[in-house]
Amino acid sequence: MNPRSPSGSGAPSPATARPFLRVWFACSRRYARAPMNADGRGYLARCPTCGKTVRFTIGPGGTSSRFFEVSCR
């Protein structure tokens, strides 16, 4: 049983789930999750093929979009 999930299903409960962005990496033609960092000021994604790291910062004047496309080249 997962201690984070009252149902014991293994999935985190909504109260403890970390926010994330979905990022499409063009070079690998794959999606990856970008979890919010520990301090809550941004997101970090890494291409599963080439390893390119992309940072998304949270701030005024930003966007409400949850999906992004990154060109690794």
PDB file of N, CA and C in Angstrom:
ATOM      1  N   MET A   1       0.835  -1.177   0.000  1.00  0.00           N
ATOM      2  CA  MET A   1       0.000   0.000   0.000  1.00  0.00           C
ATOM      3  C   MET A   1       0.883   1.244   0.000  1.00  0.00           C
ATOM      4  N   ASN A   2       0.537   2.212  -0.812  1.00  0.00           N
ATOM      5  CA  ASN A   2       1.273   3.471  -0.900  1.00  0.00           C
ATOM      6  C   ASN A   2       0.804   4.403   0.213  1.00  0.00           C
ATOM      7  N   PRO A   3       1.706   4.865   1.080  1.00  0.00           N
ATOM      8  CA  PRO A   3       1.283   5.743   2.175  1.00  0.00           C
ATOM      9  C   PRO A   3       0.780   7.096   1.702  1.00  0.00           C
ATOM     10  N   ARG A   4       1.117   7.496   0.482  1.00  0.00           N
ATOM     11  CA  ARG A   4       0.646   8.793  -0.027  1.00  0.00           C
ATOM     12  C   ARG A   4      -0.769   8.705  -0.573  1.00  0.00           C
ATOM     13  N   SER A   5      -1.271   7.506  -0.822  1.00  0.00           N
ATOM     14  CA  SER A   5      -2.558   7.330  -1.454  1.00  0.00           C
ATOM     15  C   SER A   5      -3.528   6.626  -0.508  1.00  0.00           C
ATOM     16  N   PRO A   6      -4.620   7.290  -0.124  1.00  0.00           N
ATOM     17  CA  PRO A   6      -5.551   6.650   0.786  1.00  0.00           C
ATOM     18  C   PRO A   6      -6.208   5.419   0.185  1.00  0.00           C
ATOM     19  N   SER A   7      -6.302   5.336  -1.128  1.00  0.00           N
ATOM     20  CA  SER A   7      -6.942   4.192  -1.767  1.00  0.00           C
ATOM     21  C   SER A   7      -6.006   3.001  -1.884  1.00  0.00           C
ATOM     22  N   GLY A   8      -4.693   3.225  -1.693  1.00  0.00           N
ATOM     23  CA  GLY A   8      -3.738   2.139  -1.813  1.00  0.00           C
ATOM     24  C   GLY A   8      -3.453   1.751  -3.250  1.00  0.00           C
ATOM     25  N   SER A   9      -3.859   2.588  -4.210  1.00  0.00           N
ATOM     26  CA  SER A   9      -3.695   2.254  -5.626  1.00  0.00           C
ATOM     27  C   SER A   9      -2.275   2.460  -6.123  1.00  0.00           C
ATOM     28  N   GLY A  10      -1.419   3.123  -5.334  1.00  0.00           N
ATOM     29  CA  GLY A  10      -0.051   3.389  -5.763  1.00  0.00           C
ATOM     30  C   GLY A  10       0.115   4.763  -6.385  1.00  0.00           C
ATOM     31  N   ALA A  11      -0.967   5.396  -6.782  1.00  0.00           N
ATOM     32  CA  ALA A  11      -0.897   6.728  -7.365  1.00  0.00           C
ATOM     33  C   ALA A  11      -0.937   7.759  -6.243  1.00  0.00           C
ATOM     34  N   PRO A  12      -0.203   8.868  -6.386  1.00  0.00           N
ATOM     35  CA  PRO A  12      -0.246   9.893  -5.345  1.00  0.00           C
ATOM     36  C   PRO A  12      -1.625  10.517  -5.279  1.00  0.00           C
ATOM     37  N   SER A  13      -2.046  10.916  -4.102  1.00  0.00           N
ATOM     38  CA  SER A  13      -3.339  11.577  -3.959  1.00  0.00           C
ATOM     39  C   SER A  13      -3.245  12.973  -4.563  1.00  0.00           C
ATOM     40  N   PRO A  14      -4.378  13.545  -4.974  1.00  0.00           N
ATOM     41  CA  PRO A  14      -4.340  14.893  -5.570  1.00  0.00           C
ATOM     42  C   PRO A  14      -3.710  15.933  -4.660  1.00  0.00           C
ATOM     43  N   ALA A  15      -3.804  15.770  -3.363  1.00  0.00           N
ATOM     44  CA  ALA A  15      -3.237  16.749  -2.437  1.00  0.00           C
ATOM     45  C   ALA A  15      -1.710  16.724  -2.447  1.00  0.00           C
ATOM     46  N   THR A  16      -1.087  15.592  -2.818  1.00  0.00           N
ATOM     47  CA  THR A  16       0.367  15.493  -2.795  1.00  0.00           C
ATOM     48  C   THR A  16       0.991  15.426  -4.181  1.00  0.00           C
ATOM     49  N   ALA A  17       0.179  15.401  -5.225  1.00  0.00           N
ATOM     50  CA  ALA A  17       0.706  15.313  -6.591  1.00  0.00           C
ATOM     51  C   ALA A  17       1.466  16.592  -6.939  1.00  0.00           C
ATOM     52  N   ARG A  18       2.655  16.433  -7.554  1.00  0.00           N
ATOM     53  CA  ARG A  18       3.442  17.596  -7.971  1.00  0.00           C
ATOM     54  C   ARG A  18       2.960  18.084  -9.322  1.00  0.00           C
ATOM     55  N   PRO A  19       2.775  19.386  -9.496  1.00  0.00           N
ATOM     56  CA  PRO A  19       2.396  19.927 -10.805  1.00  0.00           C
ATOM     57  C   PRO A  19       3.502  19.662 -11.822  1.00  0.00           C
ATOM     58  N   PHE A  20       3.123  19.540 -13.085  1.00  0.00           N
ATOM     59  CA  PHE A  20       4.101  19.314 -14.137  1.00  0.00           C
ATOM     60  C   PHE A  20       3.633  19.922 -15.449  1.00  0.00           C
ATOM     61  N   LEU A  21       4.582  20.105 -16.363  1.00  0.00           N
ATOM     62  CA  LEU A  21       4.310  20.515 -17.737  1.00  0.00           C
ATOM     63  C   LEU A  21       4.574  19.320 -18.637  1.00  0.00           C
ATOM     64  N   ARG A  22       3.940  19.304 -19.809  1.00  0.00           N
ATOM     65  CA  ARG A  22       4.242  18.287 -20.818  1.00  0.00           C
ATOM     66  C   ARG A  22       5.087  18.974 -21.887  1.00  0.00           C
ATOM     67  N   VAL A  23       6.201  18.358 -22.252  1.00  0.00           N
ATOM     68  CA  VAL A  23       7.121  18.946 -23.220  1.00  0.00           C
ATOM     69  C   VAL A  23       7.350  17.955 -24.355  1.00  0.00           C
ATOM     70  N   TRP A  24       7.141  18.404 -25.590  1.00  0.00           N
ATOM     71  CA  TRP A  24       7.388  17.593 -26.777  1.00  0.00           C
ATOM     72  C   TRP A  24       8.803  17.913 -27.248  1.00  0.00           C
ATOM     73  N   PHE A  25       9.684  16.903 -27.261  1.00  0.00           N
ATOM     74  CA  PHE A  25      11.051  17.085 -27.748  1.00  0.00           C
ATOM     75  C   PHE A  25      11.106  16.635 -29.197  1.00  0.00           C
ATOM     76  N   ALA A  26      11.398  17.586 -30.094  1.00  0.00           N
ATOM     77  CA  ALA A  26      11.367  17.337 -31.532  1.00  0.00           C
ATOM     78  C   ALA A  26      12.399  16.309 -31.977  1.00  0.00           C
ATOM     79  N   CYS A  27      13.601  16.312 -31.392  1.00  0.00           N
ATOM     80  CA  CYS A  27      14.645  15.403 -31.870  1.00  0.00           C
ATOM     81  C   CYS A  27      14.319  13.943 -31.568  1.00  0.00           C
ATOM     82  N   SER A  28      13.655  13.680 -30.465  1.00  0.00           N
ATOM     83  CA  SER A  28      13.340  12.297 -30.117  1.00  0.00           C
ATOM     84  C   SER A  28      11.901  11.936 -30.464  1.00  0.00           C
ATOM     85  N   ARG A  29      11.126  12.944 -30.839  1.00  0.00           N
ATOM     86  CA  ARG A  29       9.702  12.751 -31.146  1.00  0.00           C
ATOM     87  C   ARG A  29       8.994  12.054 -29.988  1.00  0.00           C
ATOM     88  N   ARG A  30       9.271  12.565 -28.777  1.00  0.00           N
ATOM     89  CA  ARG A  30       8.681  12.004 -27.564  1.00  0.00           C
ATOM     90  C   ARG A  30       8.297  13.118 -26.598  1.00  0.00           C
ATOM     91  N   TYR A  31       7.285  12.823 -25.799  1.00  0.00           N
ATOM     92  CA  TYR A  31       6.900  13.722 -24.718  1.00  0.00           C
ATOM     93  C   TYR A  31       7.672  13.367 -23.462  1.00  0.00           C
ATOM     94  N   ALA A  32       7.863  14.368 -22.613  1.00  0.00           N
ATOM     95  CA  ALA A  32       8.455  14.156 -21.295  1.00  0.00           C
ATOM     96  C   ALA A  32       7.723  15.058 -20.312  1.00  0.00           C
ATOM     97  N   ARG A  33       7.707  14.665 -19.070  1.00  0.00           N
ATOM     98  CA  ARG A  33       7.137  15.500 -18.017  1.00  0.00           C
ATOM     99  C   ARG A  33       8.219  16.405 -17.457  1.00  0.00           C
ATOM    100  N   ALA A  34       7.818  17.624 -17.150  1.00  0.00           N
ATOM    101  CA  ALA A  34       8.715  18.571 -16.488  1.00  0.00           C
ATOM    102  C   ALA A  34       8.091  18.884 -15.135  1.00  0.00           C
ATOM    103  N   PRO A  35       8.559  18.243 -14.068  1.00  0.00           N
ATOM    104  CA  PRO A  35       7.977  18.493 -12.749  1.00  0.00           C
ATOM    105  C   PRO A  35       8.390  19.856 -12.187  1.00  0.00           C
ATOM    106  N   MET A  36       7.537  20.399 -11.334  1.00  0.00           N
ATOM    107  CA  MET A  36       7.876  21.655 -10.664  1.00  0.00           C
ATOM    108  C   MET A  36       9.050  21.392  -9.725  1.00  0.00           C
ATOM    109  N   ASN A  37      10.006  22.331  -9.685  1.00  0.00           N
ATOM    110  CA  ASN A  37      11.154  22.130  -8.801  1.00  0.00           C
ATOM    111  C   ASN A  37      10.750  22.326  -7.343  1.00  0.00           C
ATOM    112  N   ALA A  38      11.623  21.943  -6.440  1.00  0.00           N
ATOM    113  CA  ALA A  38      11.317  21.928  -5.009  1.00  0.00           C
ATOM    114  C   ALA A  38      10.954  23.299  -4.443  1.00  0.00           C
ATOM    115  N   ASP A  39      11.555  24.364  -4.991  1.00  0.00           N
ATOM    116  CA  ASP A  39      11.252  25.694  -4.449  1.00  0.00           C
ATOM    117  C   ASP A  39      10.001  26.321  -5.064  1.00  0.00           C
ATOM    118  N   GLY A  40       9.379  25.638  -6.043  1.00  0.00           N
ATOM    119  CA  GLY A  40       8.129  26.109  -6.631  1.00  0.00           C
ATOM    120  C   GLY A  40       8.259  27.286  -7.570  1.00  0.00           C
ATOM    121  N   ARG A  41       9.480  27.568  -8.050  1.00  0.00           N
ATOM    122  CA  ARG A  41       9.684  28.728  -8.919  1.00  0.00           C
ATOM    123  C   ARG A  41       9.879  28.382 -10.383  1.00  0.00           C
ATOM    124  N   GLY A  42       9.788  27.098 -10.751  1.00  0.00           N
ATOM    125  CA  GLY A  42       9.966  26.738 -12.149  1.00  0.00           C
ATOM    126  C   GLY A  42       9.844  25.251 -12.393  1.00  0.00           C
ATOM    127  N   TYR A  43      10.071  24.870 -13.637  1.00  0.00           N
ATOM    128  CA  TYR A  43       9.987  23.479 -14.078  1.00  0.00           C
ATOM    129  C   TYR A  43      11.272  23.132 -14.825  1.00  0.00           C
ATOM    130  N   LEU A  44      11.645  21.862 -14.816  1.00  0.00           N
ATOM    131  CA  LEU A  44      12.851  21.405 -15.489  1.00  0.00           C
ATOM    132  C   LEU A  44      12.513  20.166 -16.317  1.00  0.00           C
ATOM    133  N   ALA A  45      12.877  20.184 -17.607  1.00  0.00           N
ATOM    134  CA  ALA A  45      12.648  19.043 -18.493  1.00  0.00           C
ATOM    135  C   ALA A  45      13.961  18.655 -19.151  1.00  0.00           C
ATOM    136  N   ARG A  46      14.115  17.361 -19.393  1.00  0.00           N
ATOM    137  CA  ARG A  46      15.321  16.855 -20.051  1.00  0.00           C
ATOM    138  C   ARG A  46      14.900  15.944 -21.201  1.00  0.00           C
ATOM    139  N   CYS A  47      15.495  16.162 -22.387  1.00  0.00           N
ATOM    140  CA  CYS A  47      15.189  15.338 -23.554  1.00  0.00           C
ATOM    141  C   CYS A  47      15.620  13.896 -23.279  1.00  0.00           C
ATOM    142  N   PRO A  48      14.739  12.934 -23.517  1.00  0.00           N
ATOM    143  CA  PRO A  48      15.081  11.538 -23.256  1.00  0.00           C
ATOM    144  C   PRO A  48      16.126  10.972 -24.223  1.00  0.00           C
ATOM    145  N   THR A  49      16.380  11.648 -25.339  1.00  0.00           N
ATOM    146  CA  THR A  49      17.349  11.146 -26.317  1.00  0.00           C
ATOM    147  C   THR A  49      18.691  11.865 -26.238  1.00  0.00           C
ATOM    148  N   CYS A  50      18.667  13.192 -26.386  1.00  0.00           N
ATOM    149  CA  CYS A  50      19.936  13.930 -26.448  1.00  0.00           C
ATOM    150  C   CYS A  50      20.370  14.515 -25.106  1.00  0.00           C
ATOM    151  N   GLY A  51      19.469  14.561 -24.120  1.00  0.00           N
ATOM    152  CA  GLY A  51      19.820  15.060 -22.805  1.00  0.00           C
ATOM    153  C   GLY A  51      19.742  16.563 -22.640  1.00  0.00           C
ATOM    154  N   LYS A  52      19.295  17.289 -23.667  1.00  0.00           N
ATOM    155  CA  LYS A  52      19.181  18.743 -23.553  1.00  0.00           C
ATOM    156  C   LYS A  52      18.249  19.090 -22.395  1.00  0.00           C
ATOM    157  N   THR A  53      18.666  20.051 -21.563  1.00  0.00           N
ATOM    158  CA  THR A  53      17.877  20.484 -20.418  1.00  0.00           C
ATOM    159  C   THR A  53      17.223  21.820 -20.734  1.00  0.00           C
ATOM    160  N   VAL A  54      15.937  21.923 -20.390  1.00  0.00           N
ATOM    161  CA  VAL A  54      15.178  23.151 -20.616  1.00  0.00           C
ATOM    162  C   VAL A  54      14.547  23.560 -19.293  1.00  0.00           C
ATOM    163  N   ARG A  55      14.689  24.838 -18.951  1.00  0.00           N
ATOM    164  CA  ARG A  55      14.088  25.361 -17.719  1.00  0.00           C
ATOM    165  C   ARG A  55      12.933  26.292 -18.079  1.00  0.00           C
ATOM    166  N   PHE A  56      11.847  26.160 -17.347  1.00  0.00           N
ATOM    167  CA  PHE A  56      10.683  27.025 -17.497  1.00  0.00           C
ATOM    168  C   PHE A  56      10.502  27.733 -16.157  1.00  0.00           C
ATOM    169  N   THR A  57      10.563  29.054 -16.162  1.00  0.00           N
ATOM    170  CA  THR A  57      10.412  29.801 -14.916  1.00  0.00           C
ATOM    171  C   THR A  57       8.976  30.275 -14.758  1.00  0.00           C
ATOM    172  N   ILE A  58       8.564  30.436 -13.529  1.00  0.00           N
ATOM    173  CA  ILE A  58       7.225  30.914 -13.205  1.00  0.00           C
ATOM    174  C   ILE A  58       7.361  32.377 -12.806  1.00  0.00           C
ATOM    175  N   GLY A  59       6.540  33.229 -13.411  1.00  0.00           N
ATOM    176  CA  GLY A  59       6.625  34.642 -13.066  1.00  0.00           C
ATOM    177  C   GLY A  59       5.498  35.443 -13.675  1.00  0.00           C
ATOM    178  N   PRO A  60       5.442  36.725 -13.357  1.00  0.00           N
ATOM    179  CA  PRO A  60       4.408  37.597 -13.904  1.00  0.00           C
ATOM    180  C   PRO A  60       4.530  37.701 -15.424  1.00  0.00           C
ATOM    181  N   GLY A  61       3.398  37.800 -16.078  1.00  0.00           N
ATOM    182  CA  GLY A  61       3.388  37.937 -17.526  1.00  0.00           C
ATOM    183  C   GLY A  61       3.622  36.630 -18.253  1.00  0.00           C
ATOM    184  N   GLY A  62       3.534  35.507 -17.552  1.00  0.00           N
ATOM    185  CA  GLY A  62       3.766  34.192 -18.142  1.00  0.00           C
ATOM    186  C   GLY A  62       2.563  33.703 -18.938  1.00  0.00           C
ATOM    187  N   THR A  63       2.508  32.415 -19.139  1.00  0.00           N
ATOM    188  CA  THR A  63       1.439  31.796 -19.910  1.00  0.00           C
ATOM    189  C   THR A  63       0.707  30.765 -19.065  1.00  0.00           C
ATOM    190  N   SER A  64      -0.499  30.452 -19.447  1.00  0.00           N
ATOM    191  CA  SER A  64      -1.258  29.420 -18.746  1.00  0.00           C
ATOM    192  C   SER A  64      -1.137  28.068 -19.450  1.00  0.00           C
ATOM    193  N   SER A  65      -0.367  28.013 -20.522  1.00  0.00           N
ATOM    194  CA  SER A  65      -0.197  26.778 -21.282  1.00  0.00           C
ATOM    195  C   SER A  65       0.507  25.718 -20.442  1.00  0.00           C
ATOM    196  N   ARG A  66       0.133  24.454 -20.624  1.00  0.00           N
ATOM    197  CA  ARG A  66       0.736  23.339 -19.906  1.00  0.00           C
ATOM    198  C   ARG A  66       1.523  22.430 -20.850  1.00  0.00           C
ATOM    199  N   PHE A  67       1.498  22.729 -22.175  1.00  0.00           N
ATOM    200  CA  PHE A  67       2.177  21.922 -23.180  1.00  0.00           C
ATOM    201  C   PHE A  67       3.134  22.796 -23.981  1.00  0.00           C
ATOM    202  N   PHE A  68       4.361  22.305 -24.201  1.00  0.00           N
ATOM    203  CA  PHE A  68       5.366  23.065 -24.923  1.00  0.00           C
ATOM    204  C   PHE A  68       6.119  22.163 -25.887  1.00  0.00           C
ATOM    205  N   GLU A  69       6.652  22.760 -26.964  1.00  0.00           N
ATOM    206  CA  GLU A  69       7.477  22.036 -27.925  1.00  0.00           C
ATOM    207  C   GLU A  69       8.884  22.616 -27.891  1.00  0.00           C
ATOM    208  N   VAL A  70       9.891  21.717 -27.848  1.00  0.00           N
ATOM    209  CA  VAL A  70      11.285  22.146 -27.778  1.00  0.00           C
ATOM    210  C   VAL A  70      12.035  21.534 -28.948  1.00  0.00           C
ATOM    211  N   SER A  71      12.785  22.378 -29.663  1.00  0.00           N
ATOM    212  CA  SER A  71      13.659  21.890 -30.730  1.00  0.00           C
ATOM    213  C   SER A  71      15.049  21.693 -30.141  1.00  0.00           C
ATOM    214  N   CYS A  72      15.523  20.476 -30.183  1.00  0.00           N
ATOM    215  CA  CYS A  72      16.814  20.154 -29.557  1.00  0.00           C
ATOM    216  C   CYS A  72      18.002  20.540 -30.428  1.00  0.00           C
ATOM    217  N   ARG A  73      17.797  20.912 -31.601  1.00  0.00           N
ATOM    218  CA  ARG A  73      18.900  21.241 -32.506  1.00  0.00           C
ATOM    219  C   ARG A  73      19.093  22.722 -32.615  1.00  0.00           C
TER     220      ARG A  73
END
